Amino acid sequence: MILTKWNAISDWRRLMGPVDPEEARLLSPDSIRAQFGRSILKNAVHGASNMQEAVETINRVFEDFVAENPEKN
């Protein structure tokens, strides 16, 4: 999935919750990791930490995808 919206990375990271599901259950109980994560390694979901990582991952997973203007997302 590629999220394309203003502030997508920080919004997605907030929805995912902390990497450690135990921490997520305490700090962000409605987050994806709090609800579905089992451990730090099996935390249910991944998301880029910054724009550069997002672009690299998108290019690796979706080889034919061409972003219109990644700086706006």
PDB file of N, CA and C in Angstrom:
ATOM      1  N   MET A   1       0.851  -1.164   0.000  1.00  0.00           N
ATOM      2  CA  MET A   1       0.000   0.000   0.000  1.00  0.00           C
ATOM      3  C   MET A   1       0.904   1.236   0.000  1.00  0.00           C
ATOM      4  N   ILE A   2       0.555   2.209  -0.799  1.00  0.00           N
ATOM      5  CA  ILE A   2       1.259   3.486  -0.825  1.00  0.00           C
ATOM      6  C   ILE A   2       0.274   4.558  -0.366  1.00  0.00           C
ATOM      7  N   LEU A   3       0.608   5.229   0.717  1.00  0.00           N
ATOM      8  CA  LEU A   3      -0.232   6.327   1.198  1.00  0.00           C
ATOM      9  C   LEU A   3       0.230   7.615   0.538  1.00  0.00           C
ATOM     10  N   THR A   4      -0.691   8.334  -0.038  1.00  0.00           N
ATOM     11  CA  THR A   4      -0.343   9.604  -0.667  1.00  0.00           C
ATOM     12  C   THR A   4      -1.264  10.677  -0.116  1.00  0.00           C
ATOM     13  N   LYS A   5      -0.760  11.413   0.831  1.00  0.00           N
ATOM     14  CA  LYS A   5      -1.482  12.529   1.428  1.00  0.00           C
ATOM     15  C   LYS A   5      -0.473  13.391   2.166  1.00  0.00           C
ATOM     16  N   TRP A   6      -0.864  14.572   2.482  1.00  0.00           N
ATOM     17  CA  TRP A   6       0.011  15.428   3.255  1.00  0.00           C
ATOM     18  C   TRP A   6       0.224  14.793   4.616  1.00  0.00           C
ATOM     19  N   ASN A   7       1.464  14.725   5.054  1.00  0.00           N
ATOM     20  CA  ASN A   7       1.817  14.215   6.372  1.00  0.00           C
ATOM     21  C   ASN A   7       1.556  12.707   6.510  1.00  0.00           C
ATOM     22  N   ALA A   8       1.594  11.966   5.426  1.00  0.00           N
ATOM     23  CA  ALA A   8       1.261  10.539   5.438  1.00  0.00           C
ATOM     24  C   ALA A   8       2.153   9.739   6.382  1.00  0.00           C
ATOM     25  N   ILE A   9       3.451  10.009   6.380  1.00  0.00           N
ATOM     26  CA  ILE A   9       4.366   9.209   7.191  1.00  0.00           C
ATOM     27  C   ILE A   9       4.056   9.361   8.672  1.00  0.00           C
ATOM     28  N   SER A  10       3.952  10.569   9.167  1.00  0.00           N
ATOM     29  CA  SER A  10       3.702  10.745  10.605  1.00  0.00           C
ATOM     30  C   SER A  10       2.302  10.273  10.994  1.00  0.00           C
ATOM     31  N   ASP A  11       1.308  10.478  10.139  1.00  0.00           N
ATOM     32  CA  ASP A  11      -0.036   9.984  10.434  1.00  0.00           C
ATOM     33  C   ASP A  11      -0.061   8.460  10.486  1.00  0.00           C
ATOM     34  N   TRP A  12       0.609   7.808   9.543  1.00  0.00           N
ATOM     35  CA  TRP A  12       0.651   6.344   9.519  1.00  0.00           C
ATOM     36  C   TRP A  12       1.398   5.802  10.732  1.00  0.00           C
ATOM     37  N   ARG A  13       2.509   6.447  11.098  1.00  0.00           N
ATOM     38  CA  ARG A  13       3.271   6.000  12.261  1.00  0.00           C
ATOM     39  C   ARG A  13       2.437   6.124  13.535  1.00  0.00           C
ATOM     40  N   ARG A  14       1.643   7.167  13.633  1.00  0.00           N
ATOM     41  CA  ARG A  14       0.761   7.337  14.789  1.00  0.00           C
ATOM     42  C   ARG A  14      -0.294   6.227  14.823  1.00  0.00           C
ATOM     43  N   LEU A  15      -0.847   5.880  13.677  1.00  0.00           N
ATOM     44  CA  LEU A  15      -1.842   4.813  13.597  1.00  0.00           C
ATOM     45  C   LEU A  15      -1.222   3.446  13.926  1.00  0.00           C
ATOM     46  N   MET A  16       0.029   3.220  13.499  1.00  0.00           N
ATOM     47  CA  MET A  16       0.705   1.951  13.796  1.00  0.00           C
ATOM     48  C   MET A  16       0.991   1.811  15.278  1.00  0.00           C
ATOM     49  N   GLY A  17       1.401   2.902  15.931  1.00  0.00           N
ATOM     50  CA  GLY A  17       1.782   2.846  17.337  1.00  0.00           C
ATOM     51  C   GLY A  17       3.249   2.500  17.503  1.00  0.00           C
ATOM     52  N   PRO A  18       3.728   2.475  18.759  1.00  0.00           N
ATOM     53  CA  PRO A  18       5.126   2.133  19.029  1.00  0.00           C
ATOM     54  C   PRO A  18       5.496   0.758  18.479  1.00  0.00           C
ATOM     55  N   VAL A  19       6.781   0.588  18.136  1.00  0.00           N
ATOM     56  CA  VAL A  19       7.279  -0.650  17.541  1.00  0.00           C
ATOM     57  C   VAL A  19       7.032  -1.850  18.460  1.00  0.00           C
ATOM     58  N   ASP A  20       7.246  -1.677  19.748  1.00  0.00           N
ATOM     59  CA  ASP A  20       7.045  -2.758  20.721  1.00  0.00           C
ATOM     60  C   ASP A  20       5.560  -2.842  21.074  1.00  0.00           C
ATOM     61  N   PRO A  21       4.899  -3.945  20.737  1.00  0.00           N
ATOM     62  CA  PRO A  21       3.472  -4.070  21.020  1.00  0.00           C
ATOM     63  C   PRO A  21       3.114  -3.903  22.501  1.00  0.00           C
ATOM     64  N   GLU A  22       4.009  -4.335  23.399  1.00  0.00           N
ATOM     65  CA  GLU A  22       3.746  -4.149  24.835  1.00  0.00           C
ATOM     66  C   GLU A  22       3.685  -2.659  25.173  1.00  0.00           C
ATOM     67  N   GLU A  23       4.623  -1.896  24.643  1.00  0.00           N
ATOM     68  CA  GLU A  23       4.630  -0.444  24.834  1.00  0.00           C
ATOM     69  C   GLU A  23       3.407   0.177  24.172  1.00  0.00           C
ATOM     70  N   ALA A  24       3.066  -0.323  22.995  1.00  0.00           N
ATOM     71  CA  ALA A  24       1.901   0.191  22.274  1.00  0.00           C
ATOM     72  C   ALA A  24       0.621  -0.015  23.086  1.00  0.00           C
ATOM     73  N   ARG A  25       0.504  -1.159  23.748  1.00  0.00           N
ATOM     74  CA  ARG A  25      -0.693  -1.425  24.556  1.00  0.00           C
ATOM     75  C   ARG A  25      -0.840  -0.425  25.691  1.00  0.00           C
ATOM     76  N   LEU A  26       0.293   0.030  26.229  1.00  0.00           N
ATOM     77  CA  LEU A  26       0.265   1.011  27.313  1.00  0.00           C
ATOM     78  C   LEU A  26       0.033   2.435  26.809  1.00  0.00           C
ATOM     79  N   LEU A  27       0.769   2.816  25.753  1.00  0.00           N
ATOM     80  CA  LEU A  27       0.766   4.199  25.292  1.00  0.00           C
ATOM     81  C   LEU A  27      -0.261   4.518  24.213  1.00  0.00           C
ATOM     82  N   SER A  28      -0.617   3.522  23.424  1.00  0.00           N
ATOM     83  CA  SER A  28      -1.505   3.741  22.295  1.00  0.00           C
ATOM     84  C   SER A  28      -2.379   2.495  22.089  1.00  0.00           C
ATOM     85  N   PRO A  29      -3.282   2.222  23.031  1.00  0.00           N
ATOM     86  CA  PRO A  29      -4.028   0.954  23.016  1.00  0.00           C
ATOM     87  C   PRO A  29      -4.912   0.730  21.789  1.00  0.00           C
ATOM     88  N   ASP A  30      -5.249   1.768  21.056  1.00  0.00           N
ATOM     89  CA  ASP A  30      -6.068   1.607  19.855  1.00  0.00           C
ATOM     90  C   ASP A  30      -5.238   1.429  18.594  1.00  0.00           C
ATOM     91  N   SER A  31      -3.922   1.455  18.717  1.00  0.00           N
ATOM     92  CA  SER A  31      -3.055   1.352  17.545  1.00  0.00           C
ATOM     93  C   SER A  31      -3.053  -0.076  16.980  1.00  0.00           C
ATOM     94  N   ILE A  32      -2.597  -0.190  15.742  1.00  0.00           N
ATOM     95  CA  ILE A  32      -2.527  -1.487  15.064  1.00  0.00           C
ATOM     96  C   ILE A  32      -1.614  -2.440  15.822  1.00  0.00           C
ATOM     97  N   ARG A  33      -0.451  -1.964  16.236  1.00  0.00           N
ATOM     98  CA  ARG A  33       0.498  -2.842  16.925  1.00  0.00           C
ATOM     99  C   ARG A  33      -0.011  -3.265  18.291  1.00  0.00           C
ATOM    100  N   ALA A  34      -0.717  -2.386  18.987  1.00  0.00           N
ATOM    101  CA  ALA A  34      -1.289  -2.760  20.281  1.00  0.00           C
ATOM    102  C   ALA A  34      -2.313  -3.869  20.113  1.00  0.00           C
ATOM    103  N   GLN A  35      -3.087  -3.792  19.070  1.00  0.00           N
ATOM    104  CA  GLN A  35      -4.157  -4.759  18.868  1.00  0.00           C
ATOM    105  C   GLN A  35      -3.697  -6.073  18.241  1.00  0.00           C
ATOM    106  N   PHE A  36      -2.695  -6.003  17.351  1.00  0.00           N
ATOM    107  CA  PHE A  36      -2.342  -7.187  16.576  1.00  0.00           C
ATOM    108  C   PHE A  36      -0.890  -7.642  16.708  1.00  0.00           C
ATOM    109  N   GLY A  37      -0.023  -6.822  17.274  1.00  0.00           N
ATOM    110  CA  GLY A  37       1.379  -7.191  17.399  1.00  0.00           C
ATOM    111  C   GLY A  37       1.604  -8.249  18.464  1.00  0.00           C
ATOM    112  N   ARG A  38       2.614  -9.087  18.231  1.00  0.00           N
ATOM    113  CA  ARG A  38       2.957 -10.144  19.193  1.00  0.00           C
ATOM    114  C   ARG A  38       4.299  -9.891  19.860  1.00  0.00           C
ATOM    115  N   SER A  39       5.231  -9.278  19.133  1.00  0.00           N
ATOM    116  CA  SER A  39       6.563  -8.985  19.666  1.00  0.00           C
ATOM    117  C   SER A  39       7.157  -7.862  18.824  1.00  0.00           C
ATOM    118  N   ILE A  40       8.351  -7.427  19.197  1.00  0.00           N
ATOM    119  CA  ILE A  40       9.011  -6.373  18.418  1.00  0.00           C
ATOM    120  C   ILE A  40       9.245  -6.842  16.980  1.00  0.00           C
ATOM    121  N   LEU A  41       9.602  -8.116  16.805  1.00  0.00           N
ATOM    122  CA  LEU A  41       9.842  -8.647  15.464  1.00  0.00           C
ATOM    123  C   LEU A  41       8.554  -9.008  14.732  1.00  0.00           C
ATOM    124  N   LYS A  42       7.521  -9.350  15.466  1.00  0.00           N
ATOM    125  CA  LYS A  42       6.226  -9.699  14.876  1.00  0.00           C
ATOM    126  C   LYS A  42       5.209  -8.650  15.320  1.00  0.00           C
ATOM    127  N   ASN A  43       5.432  -7.418  14.846  1.00  0.00           N
ATOM    128  CA  ASN A  43       4.610  -6.311  15.331  1.00  0.00           C
ATOM    129  C   ASN A  43       3.474  -5.925  14.386  1.00  0.00           C
ATOM    130  N   ALA A  44       3.156  -6.784  13.445  1.00  0.00           N
ATOM    131  CA  ALA A  44       1.959  -6.691  12.595  1.00  0.00           C
ATOM    132  C   ALA A  44       2.050  -5.757  11.398  1.00  0.00           C
ATOM    133  N   VAL A  45       2.901  -4.739  11.424  1.00  0.00           N
ATOM    134  CA  VAL A  45       2.865  -3.744  10.351  1.00  0.00           C
ATOM    135  C   VAL A  45       4.212  -3.026  10.256  1.00  0.00           C
ATOM    136  N   HIS A  46       4.507  -2.527   9.069  1.00  0.00           N
ATOM    137  CA  HIS A  46       5.744  -1.754   8.864  1.00  0.00           C
ATOM    138  C   HIS A  46       5.409  -0.437   8.184  1.00  0.00           C
ATOM    139  N   GLY A  47       6.171   0.562   8.506  1.00  0.00           N
ATOM    140  CA  GLY A  47       6.025   1.848   7.845  1.00  0.00           C
ATOM    141  C   GLY A  47       7.355   2.570   7.813  1.00  0.00           C
ATOM    142  N   ALA A  48       7.566   3.355   6.805  1.00  0.00           N
ATOM    143  CA  ALA A  48       8.810   4.113   6.663  1.00  0.00           C
ATOM    144  C   ALA A  48       8.949   5.131   7.785  1.00  0.00           C
ATOM    145  N   SER A  49      10.196   5.395   8.158  1.00  0.00           N
ATOM    146  CA  SER A  49      10.488   6.381   9.197  1.00  0.00           C
ATOM    147  C   SER A  49      10.587   7.796   8.646  1.00  0.00           C
ATOM    148  N   ASN A  50      10.886   7.897   7.359  1.00  0.00           N
ATOM    149  CA  ASN A  50      11.058   9.213   6.748  1.00  0.00           C
ATOM    150  C   ASN A  50      10.807   9.104   5.242  1.00  0.00           C
ATOM    151  N   MET A  51      10.821  10.230   4.579  1.00  0.00           N
ATOM    152  CA  MET A  51      10.510  10.276   3.152  1.00  0.00           C
ATOM    153  C   MET A  51      11.504   9.465   2.319  1.00  0.00           C
ATOM    154  N   GLN A  52      12.790   9.550   2.642  1.00  0.00           N
ATOM    155  CA  GLN A  52      13.800   8.816   1.879  1.00  0.00           C
ATOM    156  C   GLN A  52      13.562   7.314   1.974  1.00  0.00           C
ATOM    157  N   GLU A  53      13.309   6.815   3.177  1.00  0.00           N
ATOM    158  CA  GLU A  53      13.037   5.390   3.347  1.00  0.00           C
ATOM    159  C   GLU A  53      11.762   4.990   2.614  1.00  0.00           C
ATOM    160  N   ALA A  54      10.756   5.842   2.651  1.00  0.00           N
ATOM    161  CA  ALA A  54       9.496   5.558   1.957  1.00  0.00           C
ATOM    162  C   ALA A  54       9.725   5.431   0.454  1.00  0.00           C
ATOM    163  N   VAL A  55      10.443   6.364  -0.132  1.00  0.00           N
ATOM    164  CA  VAL A  55      10.711   6.337  -1.576  1.00  0.00           C
ATOM    165  C   VAL A  55      11.512   5.095  -1.951  1.00  0.00           C
ATOM    166  N   GLU A  56      12.528   4.747  -1.147  1.00  0.00           N
ATOM    167  CA  GLU A  56      13.333   3.550  -1.434  1.00  0.00           C
ATOM    168  C   GLU A  56      12.477   2.286  -1.373  1.00  0.00           C
ATOM    169  N   THR A  57      11.623   2.186  -0.371  1.00  0.00           N
ATOM    170  CA  THR A  57      10.766   1.008  -0.230  1.00  0.00           C
ATOM    171  C   THR A  57       9.765   0.927  -1.369  1.00  0.00           C
ATOM    172  N   ILE A  58       9.148   2.039  -1.710  1.00  0.00           N
ATOM    173  CA  ILE A  58       8.185   2.071  -2.823  1.00  0.00           C
ATOM    174  C   ILE A  58       8.863   1.643  -4.117  1.00  0.00           C
ATOM    175  N   ASN A  59      10.058   2.166  -4.364  1.00  0.00           N
ATOM    176  CA  ASN A  59      10.783   1.807  -5.590  1.00  0.00           C
ATOM    177  C   ASN A  59      11.154   0.328  -5.627  1.00  0.00           C
ATOM    178  N   ARG A  60      11.450  -0.249  -4.465  1.00  0.00           N
ATOM    179  CA  ARG A  60      11.826  -1.659  -4.398  1.00  0.00           C
ATOM    180  C   ARG A  60      10.601  -2.572  -4.574  1.00  0.00           C
ATOM    181  N   VAL A  61       9.497  -2.217  -3.945  1.00  0.00           N
ATOM    182  CA  VAL A  61       8.307  -3.065  -3.970  1.00  0.00           C
ATOM    183  C   VAL A  61       7.481  -2.863  -5.239  1.00  0.00           C
ATOM    184  N   PHE A  62       7.365  -1.612  -5.658  1.00  0.00           N
ATOM    185  CA  PHE A  62       6.554  -1.272  -6.832  1.00  0.00           C
ATOM    186  C   PHE A  62       7.481  -0.717  -7.905  1.00  0.00           C
ATOM    187  N   GLU A  63       8.179  -1.597  -8.585  1.00  0.00           N
ATOM    188  CA  GLU A  63       9.226  -1.195  -9.522  1.00  0.00           C
ATOM    189  C   GLU A  63       8.736  -0.253 -10.616  1.00  0.00           C
ATOM    190  N   ASP A  64       7.497  -0.388 -11.056  1.00  0.00           N
ATOM    191  CA  ASP A  64       6.986   0.431 -12.154  1.00  0.00           C
ATOM    192  C   ASP A  64       6.288   1.705 -11.705  1.00  0.00           C
ATOM    193  N   PHE A  65       6.191   1.936 -10.403  1.00  0.00           N
ATOM    194  CA  PHE A  65       5.489   3.102  -9.882  1.00  0.00           C
ATOM    195  C   PHE A  65       6.357   4.353 -10.046  1.00  0.00           C
ATOM    196  N   VAL A  66       5.722   5.425 -10.523  1.00  0.00           N
ATOM    197  CA  VAL A  66       6.402   6.717 -10.646  1.00  0.00           C
ATOM    198  C   VAL A  66       5.571   7.736  -9.887  1.00  0.00           C
ATOM    199  N   ALA A  67       6.143   8.286  -8.819  1.00  0.00           N
ATOM    200  CA  ALA A  67       5.436   9.286  -8.014  1.00  0.00           C
ATOM    201  C   ALA A  67       5.315  10.581  -8.794  1.00  0.00           C
ATOM    202  N   GLU A  68       4.169  11.222  -8.677  1.00  0.00           N
ATOM    203  CA  GLU A  68       3.972  12.506  -9.366  1.00  0.00           C
ATOM    204  C   GLU A  68       4.831  13.585  -8.729  1.00  0.00           C
ATOM    205  N   ASN A  69       4.774  13.690  -7.394  1.00  0.00           N
ATOM    206  CA  ASN A  69       5.568  14.678  -6.680  1.00  0.00           C
ATOM    207  C   ASN A  69       5.673  14.241  -5.214  1.00  0.00           C
ATOM    208  N   PRO A  70       6.670  13.390  -4.879  1.00  0.00           N
ATOM    209  CA  PRO A  70       6.754  12.832  -3.532  1.00  0.00           C
ATOM    210  C   PRO A  70       6.941  13.870  -2.433  1.00  0.00           C
ATOM    211  N   GLU A  71       7.472  15.048  -2.753  1.00  0.00           N
ATOM    212  CA  GLU A  71       7.682  16.068  -1.725  1.00  0.00           C
ATOM    213  C   GLU A  71       6.374  16.608  -1.169  1.00  0.00           C
ATOM    214  N   LYS A  72       5.280  16.513  -1.930  1.00  0.00           N
ATOM    215  CA  LYS A  72       3.997  17.018  -1.468  1.00  0.00           C
ATOM    216  C   LYS A  72       3.274  16.042  -0.568  1.00  0.00           C
ATOM    217  N   ASN A  73       3.716  14.786  -0.491  1.00  0.00           N
ATOM    218  CA  ASN A  73       3.008  13.759   0.289  1.00  0.00           C
ATOM    219  C   ASN A  73       3.641  13.530   1.630  1.00  0.00           C
TER     220      ASN A  73
END
